[in-house]
Amino acid sequence: MKLTHLARSRSTSRPGRAGTRSGRSSRPEMEAGITTAEYAVGTAAGAGFAGLLYTLLTGAFGDQLLERMFKHVMSLLGIG
């Protein structure tokens, strides 16, 4: 019986822990928007990379690259 009382007092005495009513984490409020900023940077980097790939692959370089890759795969398969 003493252990049950101790377990109850521990779970409700610490803020930000499981078993509390607030359900808030122990992170400071200053970090609230940091994940949004990380998503924004990742999205911008992904869009820039996609633009670079599009520019490279739609030009003469892309045609040569795809032709070489196709020939290489066909030779590996013994078809070409």
PDB file of N, CA and C in Angstrom:
ATOM      1  N   MET A   1       0.826  -1.181   0.000  1.00  0.00           N
ATOM      2  CA  MET A   1       0.000   0.000   0.000  1.00  0.00           C
ATOM      3  C   MET A   1       0.870   1.245   0.000  1.00  0.00           C
ATOM      4  N   LYS A   2       1.970   1.176   0.662  1.00  0.00           N
ATOM      5  CA  LYS A   2       2.875   2.305   0.713  1.00  0.00           C
ATOM      6  C   LYS A   2       3.477   2.591  -0.666  1.00  0.00           C
ATOM      7  N   LEU A   3       3.780   1.552  -1.462  1.00  0.00           N
ATOM      8  CA  LEU A   3       4.331   1.725  -2.794  1.00  0.00           C
ATOM      9  C   LEU A   3       3.340   2.403  -3.731  1.00  0.00           C
ATOM     10  N   THR A   4       2.063   2.070  -3.622  1.00  0.00           N
ATOM     11  CA  THR A   4       1.051   2.694  -4.461  1.00  0.00           C
ATOM     12  C   THR A   4       0.979   4.185  -4.190  1.00  0.00           C
ATOM     13  N   HIS A   5       1.037   4.569  -2.945  1.00  0.00           N
ATOM     14  CA  HIS A   5       0.993   5.976  -2.587  1.00  0.00           C
ATOM     15  C   HIS A   5       2.235   6.706  -3.120  1.00  0.00           C
ATOM     16  N   LEU A   6       3.383   6.068  -3.030  1.00  0.00           N
ATOM     17  CA  LEU A   6       4.619   6.663  -3.527  1.00  0.00           C
ATOM     18  C   LEU A   6       4.576   6.822  -5.047  1.00  0.00           C
ATOM     19  N   ALA A   7       4.076   5.830  -5.748  1.00  0.00           N
ATOM     20  CA  ALA A   7       3.978   5.899  -7.206  1.00  0.00           C
ATOM     21  C   ALA A   7       3.031   7.004  -7.640  1.00  0.00           C
ATOM     22  N   ARG A   8       1.928   7.163  -6.954  1.00  0.00           N
ATOM     23  CA  ARG A   8       0.982   8.223  -7.292  1.00  0.00           C
ATOM     24  C   ARG A   8       1.580   9.593  -7.056  1.00  0.00           C
ATOM     25  N   SER A   9       2.273   9.770  -5.977  1.00  0.00           N
ATOM     26  CA  SER A   9       2.830  11.080  -5.683  1.00  0.00           C
ATOM     27  C   SER A   9       3.942  11.439  -6.659  1.00  0.00           C
ATOM     28  N   ARG A  10       4.682  10.447  -7.152  1.00  0.00           N
ATOM     29  CA  ARG A  10       5.745  10.715  -8.128  1.00  0.00           C
ATOM     30  C   ARG A  10       5.166  11.102  -9.476  1.00  0.00           C
ATOM     31  N   SER A  11       4.117  10.415  -9.918  1.00  0.00           N
ATOM     32  CA  SER A  11       3.598  10.663 -11.256  1.00  0.00           C
ATOM     33  C   SER A  11       2.907  12.008 -11.371  1.00  0.00           C
ATOM     34  N   THR A  12       2.435  12.580 -10.290  1.00  0.00           N
ATOM     35  CA  THR A  12       1.746  13.867 -10.378  1.00  0.00           C
ATOM     36  C   THR A  12       2.589  15.023  -9.876  1.00  0.00           C
ATOM     37  N   SER A  13       3.763  14.736  -9.315  1.00  0.00           N
ATOM     38  CA  SER A  13       4.547  15.831  -8.749  1.00  0.00           C
ATOM     39  C   SER A  13       5.505  16.462  -9.744  1.00  0.00           C
ATOM     40  N   ARG A  14       5.834  15.778 -10.847  1.00  0.00           N
ATOM     41  CA  ARG A  14       6.789  16.309 -11.814  1.00  0.00           C
ATOM     42  C   ARG A  14       6.068  16.861 -13.034  1.00  0.00           C
ATOM     43  N   PRO A  15       6.270  18.118 -13.356  1.00  0.00           N
ATOM     44  CA  PRO A  15       5.618  18.658 -14.548  1.00  0.00           C
ATOM     45  C   PRO A  15       6.255  18.113 -15.814  1.00  0.00           C
ATOM     46  N   GLY A  16       5.424  17.875 -16.836  1.00  0.00           N
ATOM     47  CA  GLY A  16       5.926  17.421 -18.116  1.00  0.00           C
ATOM     48  C   GLY A  16       6.146  15.925 -18.217  1.00  0.00           C
ATOM     49  N   ARG A  17       5.844  15.183 -17.187  1.00  0.00           N
ATOM     50  CA  ARG A  17       6.033  13.728 -17.213  1.00  0.00           C
ATOM     51  C   ARG A  17       4.706  13.044 -17.515  1.00  0.00           C
ATOM     52  N   ALA A  18       4.803  11.766 -17.916  1.00  0.00           N
ATOM     53  CA  ALA A  18       3.592  10.985 -18.144  1.00  0.00           C
ATOM     54  C   ALA A  18       2.822  10.877 -16.840  1.00  0.00           C
ATOM     55  N   GLY A  19       1.535  10.950 -16.940  1.00  0.00           N
ATOM     56  CA  GLY A  19       0.710  10.862 -15.744  1.00  0.00           C
ATOM     57  C   GLY A  19       0.264  12.217 -15.249  1.00  0.00           C
ATOM     58  N   THR A  20       0.758  13.279 -15.815  1.00  0.00           N
ATOM     59  CA  THR A  20       0.305  14.599 -15.402  1.00  0.00           C
ATOM     60  C   THR A  20      -0.879  15.004 -16.248  1.00  0.00           C
ATOM     61  N   ARG A  21      -1.619  15.949 -15.788  1.00  0.00           N
ATOM     62  CA  ARG A  21      -2.806  16.393 -16.495  1.00  0.00           C
ATOM     63  C   ARG A  21      -2.486  17.374 -17.614  1.00  0.00           C
ATOM     64  N   SER A  22      -1.435  18.144 -17.473  1.00  0.00           N
ATOM     65  CA  SER A  22      -1.143  19.161 -18.481  1.00  0.00           C
ATOM     66  C   SER A  22      -0.663  18.538 -19.779  1.00  0.00           C
ATOM     67  N   GLY A  23       0.104  17.446 -19.743  1.00  0.00           N
ATOM     68  CA  GLY A  23       0.594  16.777 -20.930  1.00  0.00           C
ATOM     69  C   GLY A  23       1.663  17.561 -21.670  1.00  0.00           C
ATOM     70  N   ARG A  24       2.145  18.615 -21.104  1.00  0.00           N
ATOM     71  CA  ARG A  24       3.174  19.415 -21.758  1.00  0.00           C
ATOM     72  C   ARG A  24       4.542  18.802 -21.540  1.00  0.00           C
ATOM     73  N   SER A  25       5.418  19.020 -22.496  1.00  0.00           N
ATOM     74  CA  SER A  25       6.776  18.515 -22.341  1.00  0.00           C
ATOM     75  C   SER A  25       7.593  19.510 -21.535  1.00  0.00           C
ATOM     76  N   SER A  26       8.812  19.122 -21.211  1.00  0.00           N
ATOM     77  CA  SER A  26       9.664  19.989 -20.416  1.00  0.00           C
ATOM     78  C   SER A  26      10.513  20.914 -21.282  1.00  0.00           C
ATOM     79  N   ARG A  27      10.224  21.032 -22.592  1.00  0.00           N
ATOM     80  CA  ARG A  27      10.979  21.910 -23.477  1.00  0.00           C
ATOM     81  C   ARG A  27      10.639  23.366 -23.191  1.00  0.00           C
ATOM     82  N   PRO A  28      11.595  24.218 -23.309  1.00  0.00           N
ATOM     83  CA  PRO A  28      11.302  25.643 -23.149  1.00  0.00           C
ATOM     84  C   PRO A  28      10.417  26.137 -24.281  1.00  0.00           C
ATOM     85  N   GLU A  29       9.636  27.153 -24.027  1.00  0.00           N
ATOM     86  CA  GLU A  29       8.722  27.700 -25.018  1.00  0.00           C
ATOM     87  C   GLU A  29       9.454  28.366 -26.176  1.00  0.00           C
ATOM     88  N   MET A  30      10.724  28.716 -26.033  1.00  0.00           N
ATOM     89  CA  MET A  30      11.465  29.387 -27.089  1.00  0.00           C
ATOM     90  C   MET A  30      11.676  28.474 -28.296  1.00  0.00           C
ATOM     91  N   GLU A  31      11.596  27.161 -28.151  1.00  0.00           N
ATOM     92  CA  GLU A  31      11.849  26.231 -29.229  1.00  0.00           C
ATOM     93  C   GLU A  31      10.573  25.831 -29.954  1.00  0.00           C
ATOM     94  N   ALA A  32       9.480  26.493 -29.715  1.00  0.00           N
ATOM     95  CA  ALA A  32       8.197  26.078 -30.283  1.00  0.00           C
ATOM     96  C   ALA A  32       8.187  26.114 -31.804  1.00  0.00           C
ATOM     97  N   GLY A  33       8.812  27.093 -32.464  1.00  0.00           N
ATOM     98  CA  GLY A  33       8.761  27.210 -33.907  1.00  0.00           C
ATOM     99  C   GLY A  33       9.958  26.638 -34.632  1.00  0.00           C
ATOM    100  N   ILE A  34      10.834  25.976 -33.937  1.00  0.00           N
ATOM    101  CA  ILE A  34      12.065  25.522 -34.577  1.00  0.00           C
ATOM    102  C   ILE A  34      11.798  24.407 -35.574  1.00  0.00           C
ATOM    103  N   THR A  35      10.831  23.552 -35.354  1.00  0.00           N
ATOM    104  CA  THR A  35      10.562  22.492 -36.318  1.00  0.00           C
ATOM    105  C   THR A  35       9.957  23.067 -37.589  1.00  0.00           C
ATOM    106  N   THR A  36       9.166  24.108 -37.483  1.00  0.00           N
ATOM    107  CA  THR A  36       8.606  24.753 -38.667  1.00  0.00           C
ATOM    108  C   THR A  36       9.718  25.338 -39.518  1.00  0.00           C
ATOM    109  N   ALA A  37      10.697  25.950 -38.893  1.00  0.00           N
ATOM    110  CA  ALA A  37      11.826  26.513 -39.636  1.00  0.00           C
ATOM    111  C   ALA A  37      12.637  25.412 -40.316  1.00  0.00           C
ATOM    112  N   GLU A  38      12.801  24.294 -39.655  1.00  0.00           N
ATOM    113  CA  GLU A  38      13.537  23.179 -40.252  1.00  0.00           C
ATOM    114  C   GLU A  38      12.791  22.620 -41.457  1.00  0.00           C
ATOM    115  N   TYR A  39      11.471  22.517 -41.376  1.00  0.00           N
ATOM    116  CA  TYR A  39      10.689  22.064 -42.519  1.00  0.00           C
ATOM    117  C   TYR A  39      10.795  23.049 -43.673  1.00  0.00           C
ATOM    118  N   ALA A  40      10.791  24.337 -43.382  1.00  0.00           N
ATOM    119  CA  ALA A  40      10.896  25.353 -44.430  1.00  0.00           C
ATOM    120  C   ALA A  40      12.241  25.263 -45.147  1.00  0.00           C
ATOM    121  N   VAL A  41      13.312  25.092 -44.402  1.00  0.00           N
ATOM    122  CA  VAL A  41      14.642  24.972 -45.007  1.00  0.00           C
ATOM    123  C   VAL A  41      14.731  23.697 -45.839  1.00  0.00           C
ATOM    124  N   GLY A  42      14.214  22.597 -45.321  1.00  0.00           N
ATOM    125  CA  GLY A  42      14.227  21.336 -46.063  1.00  0.00           C
ATOM    126  C   GLY A  42      13.406  21.406 -47.341  1.00  0.00           C
ATOM    127  N   THR A  43      12.261  22.083 -47.284  1.00  0.00           N
ATOM    128  CA  THR A  43      11.418  22.242 -48.472  1.00  0.00           C
ATOM    129  C   THR A  43      12.103  23.100 -49.514  1.00  0.00           C
ATOM    130  N   ALA A  44      12.722  24.186 -49.079  1.00  0.00           N
ATOM    131  CA  ALA A  44      13.433  25.068 -50.017  1.00  0.00           C
ATOM    132  C   ALA A  44      14.614  24.337 -50.653  1.00  0.00           C
ATOM    133  N   ALA A  45      15.338  23.566 -49.874  1.00  0.00           N
ATOM    134  CA  ALA A  45      16.471  22.812 -50.420  1.00  0.00           C
ATOM    135  C   ALA A  45      15.993  21.753 -51.409  1.00  0.00           C
ATOM    136  N   GLY A  46      14.907  21.081 -51.088  1.00  0.00           N
ATOM    137  CA  GLY A  46      14.356  20.080 -51.994  1.00  0.00           C
ATOM    138  C   GLY A  46      13.875  20.689 -53.299  1.00  0.00           C
ATOM    139  N   ALA A  47      13.226  21.850 -53.224  1.00  0.00           N
ATOM    140  CA  ALA A  47      12.761  22.522 -54.435  1.00  0.00           C
ATOM    141  C   ALA A  47      13.942  22.982 -55.287  1.00  0.00           C
ATOM    142  N   GLY A  48      14.986  23.471 -54.644  1.00  0.00           N
ATOM    143  CA  GLY A  48      16.189  23.882 -55.386  1.00  0.00           C
ATOM    144  C   GLY A  48      16.861  22.709 -56.067  1.00  0.00           C
ATOM    145  N   PHE A  49      16.947  21.596 -55.383  1.00  0.00           N
ATOM    146  CA  PHE A  49      17.558  20.392 -55.958  1.00  0.00           C
ATOM    147  C   PHE A  49      16.723  19.871 -57.123  1.00  0.00           C
ATOM    148  N   ALA A  50      15.400  19.901 -56.981  1.00  0.00           N
ATOM    149  CA  ALA A  50      14.524  19.457 -58.068  1.00  0.00           C
ATOM    150  C   ALA A  50      14.684  20.356 -59.285  1.00  0.00           C
ATOM    151  N   GLY A  51      14.805  21.660 -59.056  1.00  0.00           N
ATOM    152  CA  GLY A  51      15.022  22.588 -60.169  1.00  0.00           C
ATOM    153  C   GLY A  51      16.342  22.324 -60.874  1.00  0.00           C
ATOM    154  N   LEU A  52      17.372  22.040 -60.107  1.00  0.00           N
ATOM    155  CA  LEU A  52      18.682  21.736 -60.690  1.00  0.00           C
ATOM    156  C   LEU A  52      18.621  20.453 -61.525  1.00  0.00           C
ATOM    157  N   LEU A  53      17.995  19.419 -60.982  1.00  0.00           N
ATOM    158  CA  LEU A  53      17.862  18.174 -61.732  1.00  0.00           C
ATOM    159  C   LEU A  53      17.055  18.374 -63.013  1.00  0.00           C
ATOM    160  N   TYR A  54      15.982  19.128 -62.930  1.00  0.00           N
ATOM    161  CA  TYR A  54      15.162  19.385 -64.106  1.00  0.00           C
ATOM    162  C   TYR A  54      15.968  20.102 -65.184  1.00  0.00           C
ATOM    163  N   THR A  55      16.738  21.098 -64.765  1.00  0.00           N
ATOM    164  CA  THR A  55      17.559  21.848 -65.719  1.00  0.00           C
ATOM    165  C   THR A  55      18.604  20.948 -66.369  1.00  0.00           C
ATOM    166  N   LEU A  56      19.245  20.114 -65.585  1.00  0.00           N
ATOM    167  CA  LEU A  56      20.275  19.230 -66.135  1.00  0.00           C
ATOM    168  C   LEU A  56      19.695  18.157 -67.044  1.00  0.00           C
ATOM    169  N   LEU A  57      18.603  17.549 -66.634  1.00  0.00           N
ATOM    170  CA  LEU A  57      18.081  16.405 -67.373  1.00  0.00           C
ATOM    171  C   LEU A  57      17.278  16.781 -68.612  1.00  0.00           C
ATOM    172  N   THR A  58      16.785  18.004 -68.704  1.00  0.00           N
ATOM    173  CA  THR A  58      16.022  18.395 -69.887  1.00  0.00           C
ATOM    174  C   THR A  58      16.913  18.963 -70.984  1.00  0.00           C
ATOM    175  N   GLY A  59      18.174  19.172 -70.720  1.00  0.00           N
ATOM    176  CA  GLY A  59      19.100  19.689 -71.725  1.00  0.00           C
ATOM    177  C   GLY A  59      19.837  18.568 -72.429  1.00  0.00           C
ATOM    178  N   ALA A  60      20.874  18.940 -73.162  1.00  0.00           N
ATOM    179  CA  ALA A  60      21.686  17.982 -73.910  1.00  0.00           C
ATOM    180  C   ALA A  60      22.399  17.009 -72.970  1.00  0.00           C
ATOM    181  N   PHE A  61      22.820  17.508 -71.816  1.00  0.00           N
ATOM    182  CA  PHE A  61      23.487  16.641 -70.839  1.00  0.00           C
ATOM    183  C   PHE A  61      22.562  15.497 -70.419  1.00  0.00           C
ATOM    184  N   GLY A  62      21.306  15.799 -70.181  1.00  0.00           N
ATOM    185  CA  GLY A  62      20.343  14.774 -69.777  1.00  0.00           C
ATOM    186  C   GLY A  62      20.120  13.744 -70.857  1.00  0.00           C
ATOM    187  N   ASP A  63      20.047  14.202 -72.112  1.00  0.00           N
ATOM    188  CA  ASP A  63      19.872  13.257 -73.218  1.00  0.00           C
ATOM    189  C   ASP A  63      21.053  12.298 -73.313  1.00  0.00           C
ATOM    190  N   GLN A  64      22.265  12.834 -73.208  1.00  0.00           N
ATOM    191  CA  GLN A  64      23.468  12.000 -73.281  1.00  0.00           C
ATOM    192  C   GLN A  64      23.522  11.027 -72.101  1.00  0.00           C
ATOM    193  N   LEU A  65      23.200  11.526 -70.930  1.00  0.00           N
ATOM    194  CA  LEU A  65      23.231  10.686 -69.732  1.00  0.00           C
ATOM    195  C   LEU A  65      22.251   9.527 -69.850  1.00  0.00           C
ATOM    196  N   LEU A  66      21.023   9.820 -70.243  1.00  0.00           N
ATOM    197  CA  LEU A  66      20.024   8.757 -70.373  1.00  0.00           C
ATOM    198  C   LEU A  66      20.405   7.758 -71.461  1.00  0.00           C
ATOM    199  N   GLU A  67      20.969   8.255 -72.570  1.00  0.00           N
ATOM    200  CA  GLU A  67      21.381   7.356 -73.647  1.00  0.00           C
ATOM    201  C   GLU A  67      22.502   6.429 -73.191  1.00  0.00           C
ATOM    202  N   ARG A  68      23.498   6.984 -72.454  1.00  0.00           N
ATOM    203  CA  ARG A  68      24.603   6.155 -71.941  1.00  0.00           C
ATOM    204  C   ARG A  68      24.100   5.117 -70.944  1.00  0.00           C
ATOM    205  N   MET A  69      23.214   5.548 -70.058  1.00  0.00           N
ATOM    206  CA  MET A  69      22.674   4.618 -69.056  1.00  0.00           C
ATOM    207  C   MET A  69      21.892   3.494 -69.733  1.00  0.00           C
ATOM    208  N   PHE A  70      21.093   3.831 -70.733  1.00  0.00           N
ATOM    209  CA  PHE A  70      20.306   2.826 -71.439  1.00  0.00           C
ATOM    210  C   PHE A  70      21.220   1.817 -72.135  1.00  0.00           C
ATOM    211  N   LYS A  71      22.240   2.319 -72.791  1.00  0.00           N
ATOM    212  CA  LYS A  71      23.178   1.425 -73.476  1.00  0.00           C
ATOM    213  C   LYS A  71      23.918   0.517 -72.489  1.00  0.00           C
ATOM    214  N   HIS A  72      24.293   1.092 -71.350  1.00  0.00           N
ATOM    215  CA  HIS A  72      25.015   0.322 -70.333  1.00  0.00           C
ATOM    216  C   HIS A  72      24.137  -0.798 -69.777  1.00  0.00           C
ATOM    217  N   VAL A  73      22.891  -0.479 -69.461  1.00  0.00           N
ATOM    218  CA  VAL A  73      21.981  -1.495 -68.916  1.00  0.00           C
ATOM    219  C   VAL A  73      21.733  -2.582 -69.957  1.00  0.00           C
ATOM    220  N   MET A  74      21.559  -2.175 -71.205  1.00  0.00           N
ATOM    221  CA  MET A  74      21.312  -3.175 -72.261  1.00  0.00           C
ATOM    222  C   MET A  74      22.537  -4.092 -72.429  1.00  0.00           C
ATOM    223  N   SER A  75      23.729  -3.520 -72.314  1.00  0.00           N
ATOM    224  CA  SER A  75      24.930  -4.368 -72.440  1.00  0.00           C
ATOM    225  C   SER A  75      25.074  -5.299 -71.243  1.00  0.00           C
ATOM    226  N   LEU A  76      24.689  -4.838 -70.070  1.00  0.00           N
ATOM    227  CA  LEU A  76      24.735  -5.721 -68.903  1.00  0.00           C
ATOM    228  C   LEU A  76      23.764  -6.890 -69.042  1.00  0.00           C
ATOM    229  N   LEU A  77      22.641  -6.629 -69.662  1.00  0.00           N
ATOM    230  CA  LEU A  77      21.652  -7.682 -69.864  1.00  0.00           C
ATOM    231  C   LEU A  77      21.999  -8.574 -71.061  1.00  0.00           C
ATOM    232  N   GLY A  78      22.981  -8.156 -71.863  1.00  0.00           N
ATOM    233  CA  GLY A  78      23.399  -8.939 -73.018  1.00  0.00           C
ATOM    234  C   GLY A  78      22.493  -8.741 -74.227  1.00  0.00           C
ATOM    235  N   ILE A  79      21.724  -7.674 -74.214  1.00  0.00           N
ATOM    236  CA  ILE A  79      20.792  -7.418 -75.312  1.00  0.00           C
ATOM    237  C   ILE A  79      21.418  -6.503 -76.361  1.00  0.00           C
ATOM    238  N   GLY A  80      22.208  -5.564 -75.965  1.00  0.00           N
ATOM    239  CA  GLY A  80      22.697  -4.580 -76.924  1.00  0.00           C
ATOM    240  C   GLY A  80      24.133  -4.611 -77.033  1.00  0.00           C
TER     241      GLY A  80
END
